[in-house]
């Protein structure tokens, strides 16, 4: 059973495309697992509107920020906005703000 479906916006897709093949494979594996398990170790709420996919691979902390689009009653979608390699404990506010801006633009349409 899938809890949600994930769509990748251009900036997130570009980030993933630039990862090496093994890391990219792990990212997609974790996202598919999160879609089926709803595990907070894989997909966690950061703010009221922004969530993050969490991937740890080869001493890297990969994060993909996302938001929910529940406008379609049939499908709940998670829209992935941007990604980065986390270097500190806290998620950078600049990345969260970028995700919020992308979310705002997306929801206009």
PDB file of N, CA and C in Angstrom:
ATOM      1  N   UNK A   1       0.837  -1.191   0.000  1.00  0.00           N
ATOM      2  CA  UNK A   1       0.000   0.000   0.000  1.00  0.00           C
ATOM      3  C   UNK A   1       0.877   1.248   0.000  1.00  0.00           C
ATOM      4  N   UNK A   2       0.531   2.199  -0.823  1.00  0.00           N
ATOM      5  CA  UNK A   2       1.242   3.480  -0.860  1.00  0.00           C
ATOM      6  C   UNK A   2       0.466   4.511  -0.052  1.00  0.00           C
ATOM      7  N   UNK A   3       1.160   5.225   0.829  1.00  0.00           N
ATOM      8  CA  UNK A   3       0.534   6.301   1.585  1.00  0.00           C
ATOM      9  C   UNK A   3       0.454   7.575   0.762  1.00  0.00           C
ATOM     10  N   UNK A   4       1.434   7.767  -0.114  1.00  0.00           N
ATOM     11  CA  UNK A   4       1.464   8.951  -0.959  1.00  0.00           C
ATOM     12  C   UNK A   4       2.322   8.687  -2.191  1.00  0.00           C
ATOM     13  N   UNK A   5       2.232   9.590  -3.153  1.00  0.00           N
ATOM     14  CA  UNK A   5       3.063   9.534  -4.346  1.00  0.00           C
ATOM     15  C   UNK A   5       3.982  10.745  -4.327  1.00  0.00           C
ATOM     16  N   UNK A   6       5.152  10.610  -4.890  1.00  0.00           N
ATOM     17  CA  UNK A   6       6.142  11.681  -4.888  1.00  0.00           C
ATOM     18  C   UNK A   6       6.359  12.195  -6.303  1.00  0.00           C
ATOM     19  N   UNK A   7       6.353  13.500  -6.426  1.00  0.00           N
ATOM     20  CA  UNK A   7       6.666  14.174  -7.681  1.00  0.00           C
ATOM     21  C   UNK A   7       7.902  15.044  -7.429  1.00  0.00           C
ATOM     22  N   UNK A   8       8.820  15.049  -8.384  1.00  0.00           N
ATOM     23  CA  UNK A   8      10.050  15.827  -8.249  1.00  0.00           C
ATOM     24  C   UNK A   8       9.988  17.056  -9.140  1.00  0.00           C
ATOM     25  N   UNK A   9      10.106  18.216  -8.535  1.00  0.00           N
ATOM     26  CA  UNK A   9      10.196  19.440  -9.317  1.00  0.00           C
ATOM     27  C   UNK A   9      11.610  19.563  -9.879  1.00  0.00           C
ATOM     28  N   UNK A  10      11.790  20.481 -10.798  1.00  0.00           N
ATOM     29  CA  UNK A  10      13.037  20.598 -11.548  1.00  0.00           C
ATOM     30  C   UNK A  10      14.281  20.725 -10.667  1.00  0.00           C
ATOM     31  N   UNK A  11      14.223  21.552  -9.637  1.00  0.00           N
ATOM     32  CA  UNK A  11      15.418  21.751  -8.801  1.00  0.00           C
ATOM     33  C   UNK A  11      15.787  20.477  -8.042  1.00  0.00           C
ATOM     34  N   UNK A  12      14.796  19.724  -7.582  1.00  0.00           N
ATOM     35  CA  UNK A  12      15.072  18.458  -6.881  1.00  0.00           C
ATOM     36  C   UNK A  12      15.601  17.420  -7.859  1.00  0.00           C
ATOM     37  N   UNK A  13      14.997  17.349  -9.032  1.00  0.00           N
ATOM     38  CA  UNK A  13      15.442  16.387 -10.044  1.00  0.00           C
ATOM     39  C   UNK A  13      16.876  16.681 -10.468  1.00  0.00           C
ATOM     40  N   UNK A  14      17.212  17.953 -10.612  1.00  0.00           N
ATOM     41  CA  UNK A  14      18.578  18.340 -10.971  1.00  0.00           C
ATOM     42  C   UNK A  14      19.582  17.950  -9.902  1.00  0.00           C
ATOM     43  N   UNK A  15      19.198  18.151  -8.640  1.00  0.00           N
ATOM     44  CA  UNK A  15      20.074  17.763  -7.532  1.00  0.00           C
ATOM     45  C   UNK A  15      20.328  16.258  -7.563  1.00  0.00           C
ATOM     46  N   UNK A  16      19.260  15.468  -7.722  1.00  0.00           N
ATOM     47  CA  UNK A  16      19.395  14.009  -7.740  1.00  0.00           C
ATOM     48  C   UNK A  16      20.237  13.559  -8.930  1.00  0.00           C
ATOM     49  N   UNK A  17      20.023  14.177 -10.059  1.00  0.00           N
ATOM     50  CA  UNK A  17      20.760  13.813 -11.274  1.00  0.00           C
ATOM     51  C   UNK A  17      22.270  13.986 -11.083  1.00  0.00           C
ATOM     52  N   UNK A  18      22.661  14.956 -10.271  1.00  0.00           N
ATOM     53  CA  UNK A  18      24.082  15.230 -10.048  1.00  0.00           C
ATOM     54  C   UNK A  18      24.727  14.336  -8.990  1.00  0.00           C
ATOM     55  N   UNK A  19      23.944  13.492  -8.333  1.00  0.00           N
ATOM     56  CA  UNK A  19      24.512  12.541  -7.368  1.00  0.00           C
ATOM     57  C   UNK A  19      25.124  11.373  -8.123  1.00  0.00           C
ATOM     58  N   UNK A  20      26.088  10.690  -7.497  1.00  0.00           N
ATOM     59  CA  UNK A  20      26.638   9.497  -8.147  1.00  0.00           C
ATOM     60  C   UNK A  20      25.579   8.399  -8.154  1.00  0.00           C
ATOM     61  N   UNK A  21      25.766   7.406  -9.006  1.00  0.00           N
ATOM     62  CA  UNK A  21      24.742   6.377  -9.256  1.00  0.00           C
ATOM     63  C   UNK A  21      24.323   5.637  -7.988  1.00  0.00           C
ATOM     64  N   UNK A  22      25.281   5.260  -7.134  1.00  0.00           N
ATOM     65  CA  UNK A  22      24.940   4.508  -5.916  1.00  0.00           C
ATOM     66  C   UNK A  22      24.130   5.363  -4.943  1.00  0.00           C
ATOM     67  N   UNK A  23      24.509   6.614  -4.809  1.00  0.00           N
ATOM     68  CA  UNK A  23      23.773   7.517  -3.919  1.00  0.00           C
ATOM     69  C   UNK A  23      22.374   7.755  -4.460  1.00  0.00           C
ATOM     70  N   UNK A  24      22.263   7.975  -5.757  1.00  0.00           N
ATOM     71  CA  UNK A  24      20.968   8.186  -6.407  1.00  0.00           C
ATOM     72  C   UNK A  24      20.049   6.978  -6.171  1.00  0.00           C
ATOM     73  N   UNK A  25      20.605   5.784  -6.306  1.00  0.00           N
ATOM     74  CA  UNK A  25      19.838   4.557  -6.089  1.00  0.00           C
ATOM     75  C   UNK A  25      19.313   4.489  -4.651  1.00  0.00           C
ATOM     76  N   UNK A  26      20.154   4.854  -3.682  1.00  0.00           N
ATOM     77  CA  UNK A  26      19.765   4.848  -2.273  1.00  0.00           C
ATOM     78  C   UNK A  26      18.667   5.890  -2.001  1.00  0.00           C
ATOM     79  N   UNK A  27      18.786   7.060  -2.632  1.00  0.00           N
ATOM     80  CA  UNK A  27      17.771   8.109  -2.469  1.00  0.00           C
ATOM     81  C   UNK A  27      16.415   7.591  -2.936  1.00  0.00           C
ATOM     82  N   UNK A  28      16.366   7.029  -4.142  1.00  0.00           N
ATOM     83  CA  UNK A  28      15.098   6.520  -4.660  1.00  0.00           C
ATOM     84  C   UNK A  28      14.574   5.349  -3.832  1.00  0.00           C
ATOM     85  N   UNK A  29      15.461   4.496  -3.351  1.00  0.00           N
ATOM     86  CA  UNK A  29      15.062   3.377  -2.500  1.00  0.00           C
ATOM     87  C   UNK A  29      14.372   3.897  -1.234  1.00  0.00           C
ATOM     88  N   UNK A  30      14.996   4.885  -0.573  1.00  0.00           N
ATOM     89  CA  UNK A  30      14.427   5.431   0.667  1.00  0.00           C
ATOM     90  C   UNK A  30      13.095   6.131   0.421  1.00  0.00           C
ATOM     91  N   UNK A  31      12.990   6.840  -0.702  1.00  0.00           N
ATOM     92  CA  UNK A  31      11.733   7.526  -1.002  1.00  0.00           C
ATOM     93  C   UNK A  31      10.619   6.503  -1.212  1.00  0.00           C
ATOM     94  N   UNK A  32      10.885   5.459  -1.967  1.00  0.00           N
ATOM     95  CA  UNK A  32       9.872   4.415  -2.198  1.00  0.00           C
ATOM     96  C   UNK A  32       9.481   3.743  -0.880  1.00  0.00           C
ATOM     97  N   UNK A  33      10.474   3.519  -0.017  1.00  0.00           N
ATOM     98  CA  UNK A  33      10.202   2.932   1.295  1.00  0.00           C
ATOM     99  C   UNK A  33       9.329   3.877   2.133  1.00  0.00           C
ATOM    100  N   UNK A  34       9.626   5.158   2.111  1.00  0.00           N
ATOM    101  CA  UNK A  34       8.835   6.141   2.857  1.00  0.00           C
ATOM    102  C   UNK A  34       7.397   6.184   2.351  1.00  0.00           C
ATOM    103  N   UNK A  35       7.204   6.060   1.043  1.00  0.00           N
ATOM    104  CA  UNK A  35       5.857   6.079   0.466  1.00  0.00           C
ATOM    105  C   UNK A  35       5.018   4.913   0.982  1.00  0.00           C
ATOM    106  N   UNK A  36       5.669   3.825   1.305  1.00  0.00           N
ATOM    107  CA  UNK A  36       4.955   2.620   1.738  1.00  0.00           C
ATOM    108  C   UNK A  36       4.894   2.457   3.253  1.00  0.00           C
ATOM    109  N   UNK A  37       5.826   3.071   3.983  1.00  0.00           N
ATOM    110  CA  UNK A  37       5.895   2.811   5.417  1.00  0.00           C
ATOM    111  C   UNK A  37       5.524   4.002   6.286  1.00  0.00           C
ATOM    112  N   UNK A  38       5.591   5.220   5.731  1.00  0.00           N
ATOM    113  CA  UNK A  38       5.309   6.426   6.506  1.00  0.00           C
ATOM    114  C   UNK A  38       6.205   6.501   7.747  1.00  0.00           C
ATOM    115  N   UNK A  39       7.476   6.159   7.596  1.00  0.00           N
ATOM    116  CA  UNK A  39       8.457   6.096   8.684  1.00  0.00           C
ATOM    117  C   UNK A  39       9.103   7.471   8.899  1.00  0.00           C
ATOM    118  N   UNK A  40       9.010   8.055  10.119  1.00  0.00           N
ATOM    119  CA  UNK A  40       9.599   9.376  10.375  1.00  0.00           C
ATOM    120  C   UNK A  40      11.129   9.398  10.276  1.00  0.00           C
ATOM    121  N   UNK A  41      11.769   8.248  10.286  1.00  0.00           N
ATOM    122  CA  UNK A  41      13.221   8.222  10.080  1.00  0.00           C
ATOM    123  C   UNK A  41      13.548   8.499   8.614  1.00  0.00           C
ATOM    124  N   UNK A  42      12.571   8.291   7.742  1.00  0.00           N
ATOM    125  CA  UNK A  42      12.769   8.501   6.306  1.00  0.00           C
ATOM    126  C   UNK A  42      12.106   9.778   5.802  1.00  0.00           C
ATOM    127  N   UNK A  43      11.010  10.174   6.427  1.00  0.00           N
ATOM    128  CA  UNK A  43      10.232  11.324   5.970  1.00  0.00           C
ATOM    129  C   UNK A  43       9.694  12.040   7.197  1.00  0.00           C
ATOM    130  N   UNK A  44      10.211  13.249   7.461  1.00  0.00           N
ATOM    131  CA  UNK A  44       9.951  13.927   8.735  1.00  0.00           C
ATOM    132  C   UNK A  44       9.460  15.356   8.511  1.00  0.00           C
ATOM    133  N   UNK A  45       8.550  15.787   9.363  1.00  0.00           N
ATOM    134  CA  UNK A  45       8.019  17.151   9.308  1.00  0.00           C
ATOM    135  C   UNK A  45       9.039  18.136   9.882  1.00  0.00           C
ATOM    136  N   UNK A  46       9.323  19.219   9.125  1.00  0.00           N
ATOM    137  CA  UNK A  46      10.243  20.255   9.599  1.00  0.00           C
ATOM    138  C   UNK A  46       9.506  21.493  10.097  1.00  0.00           C
ATOM    139  N   UNK A  47       8.528  21.945   9.318  1.00  0.00           N
ATOM    140  CA  UNK A  47       7.710  23.111   9.681  1.00  0.00           C
ATOM    141  C   UNK A  47       6.260  22.739   9.407  1.00  0.00           C
ATOM    142  N   UNK A  48       5.366  23.698   9.563  1.00  0.00           N
ATOM    143  CA  UNK A  48       3.954  23.416   9.272  1.00  0.00           C
ATOM    144  C   UNK A  48       3.749  22.935   7.840  1.00  0.00           C
ATOM    145  N   UNK A  49       4.557  23.453   6.913  1.00  0.00           N
ATOM    146  CA  UNK A  49       4.344  23.178   5.496  1.00  0.00           C
ATOM    147  C   UNK A  49       5.429  22.324   4.841  1.00  0.00           C
ATOM    148  N   UNK A  50       6.595  22.260   5.441  1.00  0.00           N
ATOM    149  CA  UNK A  50       7.747  21.625   4.793  1.00  0.00           C
ATOM    150  C   UNK A  50       8.153  20.338   5.514  1.00  0.00           C
ATOM    151  N   UNK A  51       8.388  19.304   4.716  1.00  0.00           N
ATOM    152  CA  UNK A  51       8.831  17.995   5.198  1.00  0.00           C
ATOM    153  C   UNK A  51      10.159  17.666   4.539  1.00  0.00           C
ATOM    154  N   UNK A  52      10.868  16.680   5.069  1.00  0.00           N
ATOM    155  CA  UNK A  52      12.122  16.294   4.429  1.00  0.00           C
ATOM    156  C   UNK A  52      12.238  14.779   4.317  1.00  0.00           C
ATOM    157  N   UNK A  53      12.675  14.354   3.129  1.00  0.00           N
ATOM    158  CA  UNK A  53      13.112  12.975   2.955  1.00  0.00           C
ATOM    159  C   UNK A  53      14.530  12.923   3.494  1.00  0.00           C
ATOM    160  N   UNK A  54      14.827  11.885   4.267  1.00  0.00           N
ATOM    161  CA  UNK A  54      16.122  11.765   4.923  1.00  0.00           C
ATOM    162  C   UNK A  54      16.838  10.523   4.409  1.00  0.00           C
ATOM    163  N   UNK A  55      18.045  10.725   3.895  1.00  0.00           N
ATOM    164  CA  UNK A  55      18.829   9.612   3.367  1.00  0.00           C
ATOM    165  C   UNK A  55      20.244   9.732   3.922  1.00  0.00           C
ATOM    166  N   UNK A  56      20.698   8.674   4.546  1.00  0.00           N
ATOM    167  CA  UNK A  56      22.092   8.623   5.011  1.00  0.00           C
ATOM    168  C   UNK A  56      22.793   7.557   4.186  1.00  0.00           C
ATOM    169  N   UNK A  57      23.859   7.982   3.512  1.00  0.00           N
ATOM    170  CA  UNK A  57      24.573   7.049   2.655  1.00  0.00           C
ATOM    171  C   UNK A  57      26.022   7.481   2.532  1.00  0.00           C
ATOM    172  N   UNK A  58      26.930   6.565   2.796  1.00  0.00           N
ATOM    173  CA  UNK A  58      28.363   6.813   2.625  1.00  0.00           C
ATOM    174  C   UNK A  58      28.805   8.086   3.354  1.00  0.00           C
ATOM    175  N   UNK A  59      28.452   8.170   4.630  1.00  0.00           N
ATOM    176  CA  UNK A  59      28.806   9.318   5.480  1.00  0.00           C
ATOM    177  C   UNK A  59      28.211  10.638   5.023  1.00  0.00           C
ATOM    178  N   UNK A  60      27.220  10.616   4.166  1.00  0.00           N
ATOM    179  CA  UNK A  60      26.528  11.830   3.736  1.00  0.00           C
ATOM    180  C   UNK A  60      25.098  11.822   4.250  1.00  0.00           C
ATOM    181  N   UNK A  61      24.629  12.988   4.605  1.00  0.00           N
ATOM    182  CA  UNK A  61      23.231  13.185   4.990  1.00  0.00           C
ATOM    183  C   UNK A  61      22.555  13.925   3.837  1.00  0.00           C
ATOM    184  N   UNK A  62      21.802  13.210   3.039  1.00  0.00           N
ATOM    185  CA  UNK A  62      21.110  13.798   1.907  1.00  0.00           C
ATOM    186  C   UNK A  62      19.708  14.182   2.371  1.00  0.00           C
ATOM    187  N   UNK A  63      19.279  15.388   2.013  1.00  0.00           N
ATOM    188  CA  UNK A  63      17.935  15.839   2.355  1.00  0.00           C
ATOM    189  C   UNK A  63      17.244  16.350   1.096  1.00  0.00           C
ATOM    190  N   UNK A  64      15.980  15.985   0.966  1.00  0.00           N
ATOM    191  CA  UNK A  64      15.120  16.493  -0.096  1.00  0.00           C
ATOM    192  C   UNK A  64      13.902  17.104   0.578  1.00  0.00           C
ATOM    193  N   UNK A  65      13.736  18.404   0.433  1.00  0.00           N
ATOM    194  CA  UNK A  65      12.618  19.080   1.067  1.00  0.00           C
ATOM    195  C   UNK A  65      11.384  18.976   0.189  1.00  0.00           C
ATOM    196  N   UNK A  66      10.230  18.881   0.849  1.00  0.00           N
ATOM    197  CA  UNK A  66       8.988  18.577   0.146  1.00  0.00           C
ATOM    198  C   UNK A  66       7.800  19.237   0.842  1.00  0.00           C
ATOM    199  N   UNK A  67       6.665  19.203   0.159  1.00  0.00           N
ATOM    200  CA  UNK A  67       5.408  19.636   0.766  1.00  0.00           C
ATOM    201  C   UNK A  67       4.276  18.769   0.231  1.00  0.00           C
ATOM    202  N   UNK A  68       3.166  18.789   0.935  1.00  0.00           N
ATOM    203  CA  UNK A  68       1.987  18.007   0.545  1.00  0.00           C
ATOM    204  C   UNK A  68       1.100  18.834  -0.373  1.00  0.00           C
ATOM    205  N   UNK A  69       0.545  18.182  -1.372  1.00  0.00           N
ATOM    206  CA  UNK A  69      -0.477  18.788  -2.220  1.00  0.00           C
ATOM    207  C   UNK A  69      -1.706  17.900  -2.110  1.00  0.00           C
ATOM    208  N   UNK A  70      -2.678  18.353  -1.332  1.00  0.00           N
ATOM    209  CA  UNK A  70      -3.877  17.549  -1.070  1.00  0.00           C
ATOM    210  C   UNK A  70      -5.102  18.114  -1.799  1.00  0.00           C
ATOM    211  N   UNK A  71      -4.849  18.902  -2.846  1.00  0.00           N
ATOM    212  CA  UNK A  71      -5.974  19.513  -3.571  1.00  0.00           C
ATOM    213  C   UNK A  71      -6.788  18.486  -4.347  1.00  0.00           C
ATOM    214  N   UNK A  72      -6.177  17.407  -4.765  1.00  0.00           N
ATOM    215  CA  UNK A  72      -6.875  16.357  -5.503  1.00  0.00           C
ATOM    216  C   UNK A  72      -7.347  15.323  -4.486  1.00  0.00           C
ATOM    217  N   UNK A  73      -8.641  15.159  -4.353  1.00  0.00           N
ATOM    218  CA  UNK A  73      -9.185  14.251  -3.338  1.00  0.00           C
ATOM    219  C   UNK A  73      -8.815  12.799  -3.560  1.00  0.00           C
ATOM    220  N   UNK A  74      -8.466  12.430  -4.785  1.00  0.00           N
ATOM    221  CA  UNK A  74      -8.152  11.036  -5.077  1.00  0.00           C
ATOM    222  C   UNK A  74      -6.733  10.655  -4.690  1.00  0.00           C
ATOM    223  N   UNK A  75      -5.788  11.565  -4.895  1.00  0.00           N
ATOM    224  CA  UNK A  75      -4.381  11.246  -4.628  1.00  0.00           C
ATOM    225  C   UNK A  75      -3.760  12.301  -3.727  1.00  0.00           C
ATOM    226  N   UNK A  76      -2.983  11.843  -2.778  1.00  0.00           N
ATOM    227  CA  UNK A  76      -2.192  12.743  -1.965  1.00  0.00           C
ATOM    228  C   UNK A  76      -0.786  12.717  -2.534  1.00  0.00           C
ATOM    229  N   UNK A  77      -0.298  13.885  -2.916  1.00  0.00           N
ATOM    230  CA  UNK A  77       1.016  13.969  -3.536  1.00  0.00           C
ATOM    231  C   UNK A  77       1.989  14.686  -2.629  1.00  0.00           C
ATOM    232  N   UNK A  78       3.219  14.213  -2.629  1.00  0.00           N
ATOM    233  CA  UNK A  78       4.294  14.935  -1.980  1.00  0.00           C
ATOM    234  C   UNK A  78       5.139  15.522  -3.096  1.00  0.00           C
ATOM    235  N   UNK A  79       5.272  16.830  -3.089  1.00  0.00           N
ATOM    236  CA  UNK A  79       6.018  17.529  -4.122  1.00  0.00           C
ATOM    237  C   UNK A  79       7.403  17.830  -3.559  1.00  0.00           C
ATOM    238  N   UNK A  80       8.426  17.279  -4.191  1.00  0.00           N
ATOM    239  CA  UNK A  80       9.791  17.481  -3.719  1.00  0.00           C
ATOM    240  C   UNK A  80      10.376  18.696  -4.425  1.00  0.00           C
ATOM    241  N   UNK A  81      10.833  19.665  -3.624  1.00  0.00           N
ATOM    242  CA  UNK A  81      11.230  20.969  -4.153  1.00  0.00           C
ATOM    243  C   UNK A  81      12.723  21.108  -4.406  1.00  0.00           C
ATOM    244  N   UNK A  82      13.532  20.760  -3.443  1.00  0.00           N
ATOM    245  CA  UNK A  82      14.975  20.974  -3.554  1.00  0.00           C
ATOM    246  C   UNK A  82      15.718  19.981  -2.675  1.00  0.00           C
ATOM    247  N   UNK A  83      16.993  19.780  -2.976  1.00  0.00           N
ATOM    248  CA  UNK A  83      17.810  18.843  -2.222  1.00  0.00           C
ATOM    249  C   UNK A  83      19.168  19.423  -1.907  1.00  0.00           C
ATOM    250  N   UNK A  84      19.823  18.843  -0.902  1.00  0.00           N
ATOM    251  CA  UNK A  84      21.154  19.282  -0.507  1.00  0.00           C
ATOM    252  C   UNK A  84      21.796  18.214   0.355  1.00  0.00           C
ATOM    253  N   UNK A  85      23.108  18.315   0.500  1.00  0.00           N
ATOM    254  CA  UNK A  85      23.846  17.449   1.408  1.00  0.00           C
ATOM    255  C   UNK A  85      23.983  18.222   2.710  1.00  0.00           C
ATOM    256  N   UNK A  86      23.476  17.651   3.770  1.00  0.00           N
ATOM    257  CA  UNK A  86      23.453  18.313   5.073  1.00  0.00           C
ATOM    258  C   UNK A  86      24.822  18.205   5.724  1.00  0.00           C
ATOM    259  N   UNK A  87      25.346  19.338   6.176  1.00  0.00           N
ATOM    260  CA  UNK A  87      26.677  19.364   6.779  1.00  0.00           C
ATOM    261  C   UNK A  87      26.648  19.667   8.277  1.00  0.00           C
ATOM    262  N   UNK A  88      25.485  20.087   8.788  1.00  0.00           N
ATOM    263  CA  UNK A  88      25.353  20.419  10.208  1.00  0.00           C
ATOM    264  C   UNK A  88      24.133  19.703  10.777  1.00  0.00           C
ATOM    265  N   UNK A  89      23.956  19.813  12.084  1.00  0.00           N
ATOM    266  CA  UNK A  89      22.815  19.186  12.748  1.00  0.00           C
ATOM    267  C   UNK A  89      21.489  19.771  12.257  1.00  0.00           C
ATOM    268  N   UNK A  90      21.438  21.095  12.140  1.00  0.00           N
ATOM    269  CA  UNK A  90      20.191  21.761  11.780  1.00  0.00           C
ATOM    270  C   UNK A  90      20.072  21.890  10.269  1.00  0.00           C
ATOM    271  N   UNK A  91      18.852  21.797   9.807  1.00  0.00           N
ATOM    272  CA  UNK A  91      18.587  22.038   8.392  1.00  0.00           C
ATOM    273  C   UNK A  91      18.708  23.543   8.156  1.00  0.00           C
ATOM    274  N   UNK A  92      19.522  23.958   7.174  1.00  0.00           N
ATOM    275  CA  UNK A  92      19.727  25.396   6.928  1.00  0.00           C
ATOM    276  C   UNK A  92      18.416  26.121   6.603  1.00  0.00           C
ATOM    277  N   UNK A  93      18.215  27.283   7.255  1.00  0.00           N
ATOM    278  CA  UNK A  93      17.011  28.081   7.023  1.00  0.00           C
ATOM    279  C   UNK A  93      16.904  28.505   5.560  1.00  0.00           C
ATOM    280  N   UNK A  94      18.042  28.703   4.908  1.00  0.00           N
ATOM    281  CA  UNK A  94      17.998  29.101   3.499  1.00  0.00           C
ATOM    282  C   UNK A  94      17.344  28.018   2.653  1.00  0.00           C
ATOM    283  N   UNK A  95      17.599  26.752   2.969  1.00  0.00           N
ATOM    284  CA  UNK A  95      16.990  25.643   2.228  1.00  0.00           C
ATOM    285  C   UNK A  95      15.495  25.550   2.522  1.00  0.00           C
ATOM    286  N   UNK A  96      15.123  25.751   3.784  1.00  0.00           N
ATOM    287  CA  UNK A  96      13.697  25.726   4.147  1.00  0.00           C
ATOM    288  C   UNK A  96      12.970  26.877   3.459  1.00  0.00           C
ATOM    289  N   UNK A  97      13.568  28.063   3.468  1.00  0.00           N
ATOM    290  CA  UNK A  97      12.946  29.218   2.814  1.00  0.00           C
ATOM    291  C   UNK A  97      12.814  29.005   1.313  1.00  0.00           C
ATOM    292  N   UNK A  98      13.808  28.383   0.711  1.00  0.00           N
ATOM    293  CA  UNK A  98      13.742  28.069  -0.718  1.00  0.00           C
ATOM    294  C   UNK A  98      12.562  27.129  -0.988  1.00  0.00           C
ATOM    295  N   UNK A  99      12.401  26.106  -0.155  1.00  0.00           N
ATOM    296  CA  UNK A  99      11.292  25.166  -0.313  1.00  0.00           C
ATOM    297  C   UNK A  99       9.947  25.869  -0.143  1.00  0.00           C
ATOM    298  N   UNK A 100       9.856  26.781   0.822  1.00  0.00           N
ATOM    299  CA  UNK A 100       8.610  27.524   1.038  1.00  0.00           C
ATOM    300  C   UNK A 100       8.265  28.390  -0.169  1.00  0.00           C
ATOM    301  N   UNK A 101       9.279  29.011  -0.736  1.00  0.00           N
ATOM    302  CA  UNK A 101       9.062  29.856  -1.913  1.00  0.00           C
ATOM    303  C   UNK A 101       8.586  29.006  -3.101  1.00  0.00           C
ATOM    304  N   UNK A 102       9.229  27.870  -3.318  1.00  0.00           N
ATOM    305  CA  UNK A 102       8.832  26.976  -4.407  1.00  0.00           C
ATOM    306  C   UNK A 102       7.407  26.482  -4.178  1.00  0.00           C
ATOM    307  N   UNK A 103       7.082  26.137  -2.933  1.00  0.00           N
ATOM    308  CA  UNK A 103       5.725  25.681  -2.588  1.00  0.00           C
ATOM    309  C   UNK A 103       4.701  26.752  -2.923  1.00  0.00           C
ATOM    310  N   UNK A 104       4.984  27.975  -2.506  1.00  0.00           N
ATOM    311  CA  UNK A 104       4.072  29.090  -2.752  1.00  0.00           C
ATOM    312  C   UNK A 104       3.830  29.278  -4.251  1.00  0.00           C
ATOM    313  N   UNK A 105       4.877  29.244  -5.037  1.00  0.00           N
ATOM    314  CA  UNK A 105       4.752  29.390  -6.493  1.00  0.00           C
ATOM    315  C   UNK A 105       3.949  28.233  -7.079  1.00  0.00           C
ATOM    316  N   UNK A 106       4.224  27.022  -6.632  1.00  0.00           N
ATOM    317  CA  UNK A 106       3.541  25.827  -7.143  1.00  0.00           C
ATOM    318  C   UNK A 106       2.041  25.883  -6.876  1.00  0.00           C
ATOM    319  N   UNK A 107       1.677  26.276  -5.668  1.00  0.00           N
ATOM    320  CA  UNK A 107       0.264  26.251  -5.265  1.00  0.00           C
ATOM    321  C   UNK A 107      -0.553  27.377  -5.887  1.00  0.00           C
ATOM    322  N   UNK A 108       0.085  28.318  -6.566  1.00  0.00           N
ATOM    323  CA  UNK A 108      -0.651  29.379  -7.266  1.00  0.00           C
ATOM    324  C   UNK A 108      -1.448  28.804  -8.429  1.00  0.00           C
ATOM    325  N   UNK A 109      -1.004  27.677  -8.966  1.00  0.00           N
ATOM    326  CA  UNK A 109      -1.626  27.119 -10.188  1.00  0.00           C
ATOM    327  C   UNK A 109      -2.502  25.961  -9.910  1.00  0.00           C
TER     328      UNK A 109
END
